[in-house]
Amino acid sequence: MELLAQAADNALDGLKALGAGLGYGLAAIGPGVGIGLVVGNAITAMARQPESAGMVRTTMFLGIAFTEALALIGFVVFILLNFA
């Protein structure tokens, strides 16, 4: 009976780790797509108006930073789910 309870605990731990990893993987998709869109549109804007490239580049880096914050929040949630 004790062996069955231990197996159930191990299975539960495995499922928690799988769920946390899957959750973080899905949480990383959004920022990845977002950063791709930000950089792609910034490159298009710089190609169309080279004289405003400095302002566009600054705005692009701000957009990347804010989008990357979403990935960091997902990572923190992943860590909390794994160790809480």
PDB file of N, CA and C in Angstrom:
ATOM      1  N   MET A   1       0.810  -1.182   0.000  1.00  0.00           N
ATOM      2  CA  MET A   1       0.000   0.000   0.000  1.00  0.00           C
ATOM      3  C   MET A   1       0.867   1.265   0.000  1.00  0.00           C
ATOM      4  N   GLU A   2       1.939   1.227   0.776  1.00  0.00           N
ATOM      5  CA  GLU A   2       2.830   2.377   0.846  1.00  0.00           C
ATOM      6  C   GLU A   2       3.532   2.607  -0.489  1.00  0.00           C
ATOM      7  N   LEU A   3       3.836   1.538  -1.196  1.00  0.00           N
ATOM      8  CA  LEU A   3       4.479   1.641  -2.503  1.00  0.00           C
ATOM      9  C   LEU A   3       3.544   2.313  -3.507  1.00  0.00           C
ATOM     10  N   LEU A   4       2.266   2.015  -3.419  1.00  0.00           N
ATOM     11  CA  LEU A   4       1.278   2.628  -4.304  1.00  0.00           C
ATOM     12  C   LEU A   4       1.163   4.133  -4.031  1.00  0.00           C
ATOM     13  N   ALA A   5       1.197   4.530  -2.766  1.00  0.00           N
ATOM     14  CA  ALA A   5       1.127   5.946  -2.420  1.00  0.00           C
ATOM     15  C   ALA A   5       2.369   6.680  -2.907  1.00  0.00           C
ATOM     16  N   GLN A   6       3.521   6.038  -2.813  1.00  0.00           N
ATOM     17  CA  GLN A   6       4.760   6.652  -3.283  1.00  0.00           C
ATOM     18  C   GLN A   6       4.730   6.807  -4.798  1.00  0.00           C
ATOM     19  N   ALA A   7       4.210   5.808  -5.502  1.00  0.00           N
ATOM     20  CA  ALA A   7       4.101   5.885  -6.962  1.00  0.00           C
ATOM     21  C   ALA A   7       3.146   7.002  -7.366  1.00  0.00           C
ATOM     22  N   ALA A   8       2.066   7.161  -6.624  1.00  0.00           N
ATOM     23  CA  ALA A   8       1.117   8.229  -6.921  1.00  0.00           C
ATOM     24  C   ALA A   8       1.753   9.598  -6.697  1.00  0.00           C
ATOM     25  N   ASP A   9       2.543   9.733  -5.634  1.00  0.00           N
ATOM     26  CA  ASP A   9       3.238  10.999  -5.377  1.00  0.00           C
ATOM     27  C   ASP A   9       4.245  11.308  -6.478  1.00  0.00           C
ATOM     28  N   ASN A  10       4.972  10.280  -6.925  1.00  0.00           N
ATOM     29  CA  ASN A  10       5.936  10.474  -8.010  1.00  0.00           C
ATOM     30  C   ASN A  10       5.233  10.873  -9.300  1.00  0.00           C
ATOM     31  N   ALA A  11       4.105  10.249  -9.581  1.00  0.00           N
ATOM     32  CA  ALA A  11       3.348  10.585 -10.787  1.00  0.00           C
ATOM     33  C   ALA A  11       2.836  12.019 -10.704  1.00  0.00           C
ATOM     34  N   LEU A  12       2.371  12.420  -9.530  1.00  0.00           N
ATOM     35  CA  LEU A  12       1.883  13.785  -9.348  1.00  0.00           C
ATOM     36  C   LEU A  12       3.007  14.795  -9.532  1.00  0.00           C
ATOM     37  N   ASP A  13       4.175  14.506  -8.990  1.00  0.00           N
ATOM     38  CA  ASP A  13       5.326  15.400  -9.172  1.00  0.00           C
ATOM     39  C   ASP A  13       5.705  15.511 -10.648  1.00  0.00           C
ATOM     40  N   GLY A  14       5.673  14.389 -11.340  1.00  0.00           N
ATOM     41  CA  GLY A  14       5.981  14.401 -12.768  1.00  0.00           C
ATOM     42  C   GLY A  14       4.976  15.215 -13.563  1.00  0.00           C
ATOM     43  N   LEU A  15       3.706  15.072 -13.238  1.00  0.00           N
ATOM     44  CA  LEU A  15       2.673  15.834 -13.937  1.00  0.00           C
ATOM     45  C   LEU A  15       2.781  17.326 -13.626  1.00  0.00           C
ATOM     46  N   LYS A  16       3.155  17.673 -12.401  1.00  0.00           N
ATOM     47  CA  LYS A  16       3.352  19.084 -12.061  1.00  0.00           C
ATOM     48  C   LYS A  16       4.500  19.676 -12.868  1.00  0.00           C
ATOM     49  N   ALA A  17       5.584  18.932 -12.983  1.00  0.00           N
ATOM     50  CA  ALA A  17       6.732  19.411 -13.757  1.00  0.00           C
ATOM     51  C   ALA A  17       6.379  19.529 -15.236  1.00  0.00           C
ATOM     52  N   LEU A  18       5.638  18.562 -15.746  1.00  0.00           N
ATOM     53  CA  LEU A  18       5.220  18.602 -17.147  1.00  0.00           C
ATOM     54  C   LEU A  18       4.306  19.796 -17.409  1.00  0.00           C
ATOM     55  N   GLY A  19       3.355  20.018 -16.505  1.00  0.00           N
ATOM     56  CA  GLY A  19       2.447  21.151 -16.661  1.00  0.00           C
ATOM     57  C   GLY A  19       3.166  22.485 -16.570  1.00  0.00           C
ATOM     58  N   ALA A  20       4.109  22.596 -15.640  1.00  0.00           N
ATOM     59  CA  ALA A  20       4.862  23.845 -15.502  1.00  0.00           C
ATOM     60  C   ALA A  20       5.720  24.095 -16.744  1.00  0.00           C
ATOM     61  N   GLY A  21       6.370  23.067 -17.242  1.00  0.00           N
ATOM     62  CA  GLY A  21       7.189  23.221 -18.447  1.00  0.00           C
ATOM     63  C   GLY A  21       6.355  23.570 -19.661  1.00  0.00           C
ATOM     64  N   LEU A  22       5.217  22.939 -19.801  1.00  0.00           N
ATOM     65  CA  LEU A  22       4.318  23.235 -20.917  1.00  0.00           C
ATOM     66  C   LEU A  22       3.785  24.656 -20.793  1.00  0.00           C
ATOM     67  N   GLY A  23       3.457  25.059 -19.572  1.00  0.00           N
ATOM     68  CA  GLY A  23       2.968  26.420 -19.352  1.00  0.00           C
ATOM     69  C   GLY A  23       4.010  27.458 -19.719  1.00  0.00           C
ATOM     70  N   TYR A  24       5.259  27.231 -19.331  1.00  0.00           N
ATOM     71  CA  TYR A  24       6.299  28.202 -19.670  1.00  0.00           C
ATOM     72  C   TYR A  24       6.565  28.192 -21.176  1.00  0.00           C
ATOM     73  N   GLY A  25       6.529  27.027 -21.781  1.00  0.00           N
ATOM     74  CA  GLY A  25       6.720  26.969 -23.229  1.00  0.00           C
ATOM     75  C   GLY A  25       5.664  27.771 -23.970  1.00  0.00           C
ATOM     76  N   LEU A  26       4.431  27.638 -23.527  1.00  0.00           N
ATOM     77  CA  LEU A  26       3.364  28.410 -24.152  1.00  0.00           C
ATOM     78  C   LEU A  26       3.490  29.895 -23.823  1.00  0.00           C
ATOM     79  N   ALA A  27       3.966  30.208 -22.619  1.00  0.00           N
ATOM     80  CA  ALA A  27       4.144  31.609 -22.242  1.00  0.00           C
ATOM     81  C   ALA A  27       5.275  32.259 -23.034  1.00  0.00           C
ATOM     82  N   ALA A  28       6.217  31.480 -23.520  1.00  0.00           N
ATOM     83  CA  ALA A  28       7.343  32.036 -24.277  1.00  0.00           C
ATOM     84  C   ALA A  28       6.989  32.266 -25.750  1.00  0.00           C
ATOM     85  N   ILE A  29       5.924  31.641 -26.226  1.00  0.00           N
ATOM     86  CA  ILE A  29       5.538  31.809 -27.634  1.00  0.00           C
ATOM     87  C   ILE A  29       5.092  33.244 -27.909  1.00  0.00           C
ATOM     88  N   GLY A  30       4.260  33.789 -27.033  1.00  0.00           N
ATOM     89  CA  GLY A  30       3.738  35.138 -27.237  1.00  0.00           C
ATOM     90  C   GLY A  30       4.818  36.197 -27.329  1.00  0.00           C
ATOM     91  N   PRO A  31       5.727  36.268 -26.359  1.00  0.00           N
ATOM     92  CA  PRO A  31       6.801  37.259 -26.469  1.00  0.00           C
ATOM     93  C   PRO A  31       7.707  37.026 -27.684  1.00  0.00           C
ATOM     94  N   GLY A  32       7.910  35.773 -28.051  1.00  0.00           N
ATOM     95  CA  GLY A  32       8.733  35.503 -29.237  1.00  0.00           C
ATOM     96  C   GLY A  32       8.100  36.080 -30.496  1.00  0.00           C
ATOM     97  N   VAL A  33       6.810  35.878 -30.636  1.00  0.00           N
ATOM     98  CA  VAL A  33       6.089  36.440 -31.791  1.00  0.00           C
ATOM     99  C   VAL A  33       6.076  37.964 -31.699  1.00  0.00           C
ATOM    100  N   GLY A  34       5.851  38.482 -30.484  1.00  0.00           N
ATOM    101  CA  GLY A  34       5.802  39.932 -30.301  1.00  0.00           C
ATOM    102  C   GLY A  34       7.118  40.604 -30.655  1.00  0.00           C
ATOM    103  N   ILE A  35       8.230  40.039 -30.227  1.00  0.00           N
ATOM    104  CA  ILE A  35       9.535  40.621 -30.543  1.00  0.00           C
ATOM    105  C   ILE A  35       9.792  40.563 -32.045  1.00  0.00           C
ATOM    106  N   GLY A  36       9.391  39.467 -32.667  1.00  0.00           N
ATOM    107  CA  GLY A  36       9.541  39.370 -34.120  1.00  0.00           C
ATOM    108  C   GLY A  36       8.763  40.455 -34.851  1.00  0.00           C
ATOM    109  N   LEU A  37       7.553  40.717 -34.393  1.00  0.00           N
ATOM    110  CA  LEU A  37       6.746  41.767 -35.019  1.00  0.00           C
ATOM    111  C   LEU A  37       7.345  43.154 -34.785  1.00  0.00           C
ATOM    112  N   VAL A  38       7.796  43.405 -33.572  1.00  0.00           N
ATOM    113  CA  VAL A  38       8.384  44.709 -33.253  1.00  0.00           C
ATOM    114  C   VAL A  38       9.616  44.972 -34.115  1.00  0.00           C
ATOM    115  N   VAL A  39      10.513  44.003 -34.184  1.00  0.00           N
ATOM    116  CA  VAL A  39      11.753  44.194 -34.946  1.00  0.00           C
ATOM    117  C   VAL A  39      11.453  44.288 -36.445  1.00  0.00           C
ATOM    118  N   GLY A  40      10.564  43.441 -36.924  1.00  0.00           N
ATOM    119  CA  GLY A  40      10.222  43.485 -38.351  1.00  0.00           C
ATOM    120  C   GLY A  40       9.636  44.822 -38.760  1.00  0.00           C
ATOM    121  N   ASN A  41       8.714  45.341 -37.948  1.00  0.00           N
ATOM    122  CA  ASN A  41       8.120  46.640 -38.272  1.00  0.00           C
ATOM    123  C   ASN A  41       9.121  47.778 -38.110  1.00  0.00           C
ATOM    124  N   ALA A  42      10.038  47.660 -37.159  1.00  0.00           N
ATOM    125  CA  ALA A  42      11.069  48.689 -37.005  1.00  0.00           C
ATOM    126  C   ALA A  42      12.000  48.713 -38.215  1.00  0.00           C
ATOM    127  N   ILE A  43      12.362  47.545 -38.702  1.00  0.00           N
ATOM    128  CA  ILE A  43      13.223  47.483 -39.888  1.00  0.00           C
ATOM    129  C   ILE A  43      12.515  48.091 -41.094  1.00  0.00           C
ATOM    130  N   THR A  44      11.219  47.800 -41.231  1.00  0.00           N
ATOM    131  CA  THR A  44      10.446  48.383 -42.325  1.00  0.00           C
ATOM    132  C   THR A  44      10.402  49.906 -42.199  1.00  0.00           C
ATOM    133  N   ALA A  45      10.176  50.397 -40.986  1.00  0.00           N
ATOM    134  CA  ALA A  45      10.116  51.847 -40.779  1.00  0.00           C
ATOM    135  C   ALA A  45      11.459  52.505 -41.073  1.00  0.00           C
ATOM    136  N   MET A  46      12.567  51.871 -40.653  1.00  0.00           N
ATOM    137  CA  MET A  46      13.891  52.443 -40.912  1.00  0.00           C
ATOM    138  C   MET A  46      14.229  52.421 -42.399  1.00  0.00           C
ATOM    139  N   ALA A  47      13.743  51.403 -43.100  1.00  0.00           N
ATOM    140  CA  ALA A  47      14.007  51.332 -44.535  1.00  0.00           C
ATOM    141  C   ALA A  47      13.212  52.395 -45.290  1.00  0.00           C
ATOM    142  N   ARG A  48      12.011  52.701 -44.814  1.00  0.00           N
ATOM    143  CA  ARG A  48      11.186  53.702 -45.496  1.00  0.00           C
ATOM    144  C   ARG A  48      11.620  55.127 -45.187  1.00  0.00           C
ATOM    145  N   GLN A  49      12.051  55.376 -43.944  1.00  0.00           N
ATOM    146  CA  GLN A  49      12.475  56.721 -43.553  1.00  0.00           C
ATOM    147  C   GLN A  49      13.790  56.634 -42.773  1.00  0.00           C
ATOM    148  N   PRO A  50      14.899  56.566 -43.482  1.00  0.00           N
ATOM    149  CA  PRO A  50      16.196  56.415 -42.805  1.00  0.00           C
ATOM    150  C   PRO A  50      16.533  57.569 -41.867  1.00  0.00           C
ATOM    151  N   GLU A  51      15.986  58.752 -42.116  1.00  0.00           N
ATOM    152  CA  GLU A  51      16.314  59.892 -41.263  1.00  0.00           C
ATOM    153  C   GLU A  51      15.724  59.771 -39.861  1.00  0.00           C
ATOM    154  N   SER A  52      14.706  58.933 -39.693  1.00  0.00           N
ATOM    155  CA  SER A  52      14.116  58.748 -38.355  1.00  0.00           C
ATOM    156  C   SER A  52      14.559  57.426 -37.720  1.00  0.00           C
ATOM    157  N   ALA A  53      15.657  56.870 -38.207  1.00  0.00           N
ATOM    158  CA  ALA A  53      16.112  55.565 -37.721  1.00  0.00           C
ATOM    159  C   ALA A  53      16.470  55.596 -36.242  1.00  0.00           C
ATOM    160  N   GLY A  54      17.033  56.686 -35.745  1.00  0.00           N
ATOM    161  CA  GLY A  54      17.414  56.769 -34.337  1.00  0.00           C
ATOM    162  C   GLY A  54      16.210  56.679 -33.419  1.00  0.00           C
ATOM    163  N   MET A  55      15.155  57.429 -33.748  1.00  0.00           N
ATOM    164  CA  MET A  55      13.948  57.401 -32.924  1.00  0.00           C
ATOM    165  C   MET A  55      13.264  56.032 -33.013  1.00  0.00           C
ATOM    166  N   VAL A  56      13.232  55.465 -34.201  1.00  0.00           N
ATOM    167  CA  VAL A  56      12.607  54.150 -34.384  1.00  0.00           C
ATOM    168  C   VAL A  56      13.384  53.085 -33.611  1.00  0.00           C
ATOM    169  N   ARG A  57      14.714  53.168 -33.644  1.00  0.00           N
ATOM    170  CA  ARG A  57      15.537  52.185 -32.938  1.00  0.00           C
ATOM    171  C   ARG A  57      15.309  52.262 -31.425  1.00  0.00           C
ATOM    172  N   THR A  58      15.212  53.490 -30.896  1.00  0.00           N
ATOM    173  CA  THR A  58      14.952  53.658 -29.462  1.00  0.00           C
ATOM    174  C   THR A  58      13.600  53.073 -29.091  1.00  0.00           C
ATOM    175  N   THR A  59      12.600  53.365 -29.891  1.00  0.00           N
ATOM    176  CA  THR A  59      11.259  52.831 -29.634  1.00  0.00           C
ATOM    177  C   THR A  59      11.243  51.316 -29.772  1.00  0.00           C
ATOM    178  N   MET A  60      12.015  50.789 -30.714  1.00  0.00           N
ATOM    179  CA  MET A  60      12.083  49.339 -30.902  1.00  0.00           C
ATOM    180  C   MET A  60      12.663  48.668 -29.654  1.00  0.00           C
ATOM    181  N   PHE A  61      13.734  49.236 -29.111  1.00  0.00           N
ATOM    182  CA  PHE A  61      14.340  48.632 -27.921  1.00  0.00           C
ATOM    183  C   PHE A  61      13.399  48.696 -26.723  1.00  0.00           C
ATOM    184  N   LEU A  62      12.638  49.768 -26.605  1.00  0.00           N
ATOM    185  CA  LEU A  62      11.643  49.844 -25.536  1.00  0.00           C
ATOM    186  C   LEU A  62      10.566  48.770 -25.718  1.00  0.00           C
ATOM    187  N   GLY A  63      10.115  48.604 -26.954  1.00  0.00           N
ATOM    188  CA  GLY A  63       9.119  47.570 -27.234  1.00  0.00           C
ATOM    189  C   GLY A  63       9.644  46.175 -26.945  1.00  0.00           C
ATOM    190  N   ILE A  64      10.902  45.920 -27.289  1.00  0.00           N
ATOM    191  CA  ILE A  64      11.510  44.622 -27.007  1.00  0.00           C
ATOM    192  C   ILE A  64      11.599  44.399 -25.502  1.00  0.00           C
ATOM    193  N   ALA A  65      11.982  45.437 -24.759  1.00  0.00           N
ATOM    194  CA  ALA A  65      12.115  45.300 -23.303  1.00  0.00           C
ATOM    195  C   ALA A  65      10.766  44.985 -22.662  1.00  0.00           C
ATOM    196  N   PHE A  66       9.722  45.692 -23.075  1.00  0.00           N
ATOM    197  CA  PHE A  66       8.399  45.443 -22.492  1.00  0.00           C
ATOM    198  C   PHE A  66       7.874  44.072 -22.880  1.00  0.00           C
ATOM    199  N   THR A  67       8.137  43.646 -24.101  1.00  0.00           N
ATOM    200  CA  THR A  67       7.688  42.332 -24.537  1.00  0.00           C
ATOM    201  C   THR A  67       8.458  41.234 -23.822  1.00  0.00           C
ATOM    202  N   GLU A  68       9.746  41.453 -23.611  1.00  0.00           N
ATOM    203  CA  GLU A  68      10.563  40.459 -22.915  1.00  0.00           C
ATOM    204  C   GLU A  68      10.152  40.334 -21.451  1.00  0.00           C
ATOM    205  N   ALA A  69       9.595  41.393 -20.898  1.00  0.00           N
ATOM    206  CA  ALA A  69       9.111  41.333 -19.512  1.00  0.00           C
ATOM    207  C   ALA A  69       8.022  40.271 -19.378  1.00  0.00           C
ATOM    208  N   LEU A  70       7.227  40.079 -20.417  1.00  0.00           N
ATOM    209  CA  LEU A  70       6.201  39.037 -20.379  1.00  0.00           C
ATOM    210  C   LEU A  70       6.826  37.653 -20.271  1.00  0.00           C
ATOM    211  N   ALA A  71       7.921  37.432 -20.988  1.00  0.00           N
ATOM    212  CA  ALA A  71       8.602  36.141 -20.899  1.00  0.00           C
ATOM    213  C   ALA A  71       9.196  35.938 -19.508  1.00  0.00           C
ATOM    214  N   LEU A  72       9.712  37.001 -18.916  1.00  0.00           N
ATOM    215  CA  LEU A  72      10.266  36.884 -17.569  1.00  0.00           C
ATOM    216  C   LEU A  72       9.179  36.586 -16.541  1.00  0.00           C
ATOM    217  N   ILE A  73       8.007  37.183 -16.715  1.00  0.00           N
ATOM    218  CA  ILE A  73       6.889  36.886 -15.820  1.00  0.00           C
ATOM    219  C   ILE A  73       6.498  35.414 -15.958  1.00  0.00           C
ATOM    220  N   GLY A  74       6.469  34.913 -17.189  1.00  0.00           N
ATOM    221  CA  GLY A  74       6.180  33.494 -17.403  1.00  0.00           C
ATOM    222  C   GLY A  74       7.208  32.595 -16.754  1.00  0.00           C
ATOM    223  N   PHE A  75       8.465  33.003 -16.789  1.00  0.00           N
ATOM    224  CA  PHE A  75       9.525  32.213 -16.166  1.00  0.00           C
ATOM    225  C   PHE A  75       9.376  32.196 -14.647  1.00  0.00           C
ATOM    226  N   VAL A  76       9.022  33.335 -14.070  1.00  0.00           N
ATOM    227  CA  VAL A  76       8.824  33.403 -12.615  1.00  0.00           C
ATOM    228  C   VAL A  76       7.661  32.506 -12.210  1.00  0.00           C
ATOM    229  N   VAL A  77       6.590  32.518 -12.972  1.00  0.00           N
ATOM    230  CA  VAL A  77       5.450  31.641 -12.667  1.00  0.00           C
ATOM    231  C   VAL A  77       5.869  30.180 -12.781  1.00  0.00           C
ATOM    232  N   PHE A  78       6.690  29.856 -13.791  1.00  0.00           N
ATOM    233  CA  PHE A  78       7.198  28.493 -13.951  1.00  0.00           C
ATOM    234  C   PHE A  78       7.994  28.059 -12.726  1.00  0.00           C
ATOM    235  N   ILE A  79       8.879  28.930 -12.234  1.00  0.00           N
ATOM    236  CA  ILE A  79       9.673  28.616 -11.052  1.00  0.00           C
ATOM    237  C   ILE A  79       8.777  28.445  -9.837  1.00  0.00           C
ATOM    238  N   LEU A  80       7.791  29.327  -9.690  1.00  0.00           N
ATOM    239  CA  LEU A  80       6.879  29.221  -8.544  1.00  0.00           C
ATOM    240  C   LEU A  80       6.088  27.921  -8.579  1.00  0.00           C
ATOM    241  N   LEU A  81       5.656  27.517  -9.751  1.00  0.00           N
ATOM    242  CA  LEU A  81       4.886  26.266  -9.850  1.00  0.00           C
ATOM    243  C   LEU A  81       5.766  25.049  -9.570  1.00  0.00           C
ATOM    244  N   ASN A  82       7.023  25.130  -9.947  1.00  0.00           N
ATOM    245  CA  ASN A  82       7.916  23.991  -9.725  1.00  0.00           C
ATOM    246  C   ASN A  82       8.331  23.835  -8.273  1.00  0.00           C
ATOM    247  N   PHE A  83       8.526  24.941  -7.572  1.00  0.00           N
ATOM    248  CA  PHE A  83       9.090  24.858  -6.226  1.00  0.00           C
ATOM    249  C   PHE A  83       8.118  25.219  -5.119  1.00  0.00           C
ATOM    250  N   ALA A  84       6.893  25.515  -5.453  1.00  0.00           N
ATOM    251  CA  ALA A  84       5.913  25.860  -4.409  1.00  0.00           C
ATOM    252  C   ALA A  84       5.083  24.652  -4.028  1.00  0.00           C
TER     253      ALA A  84
END
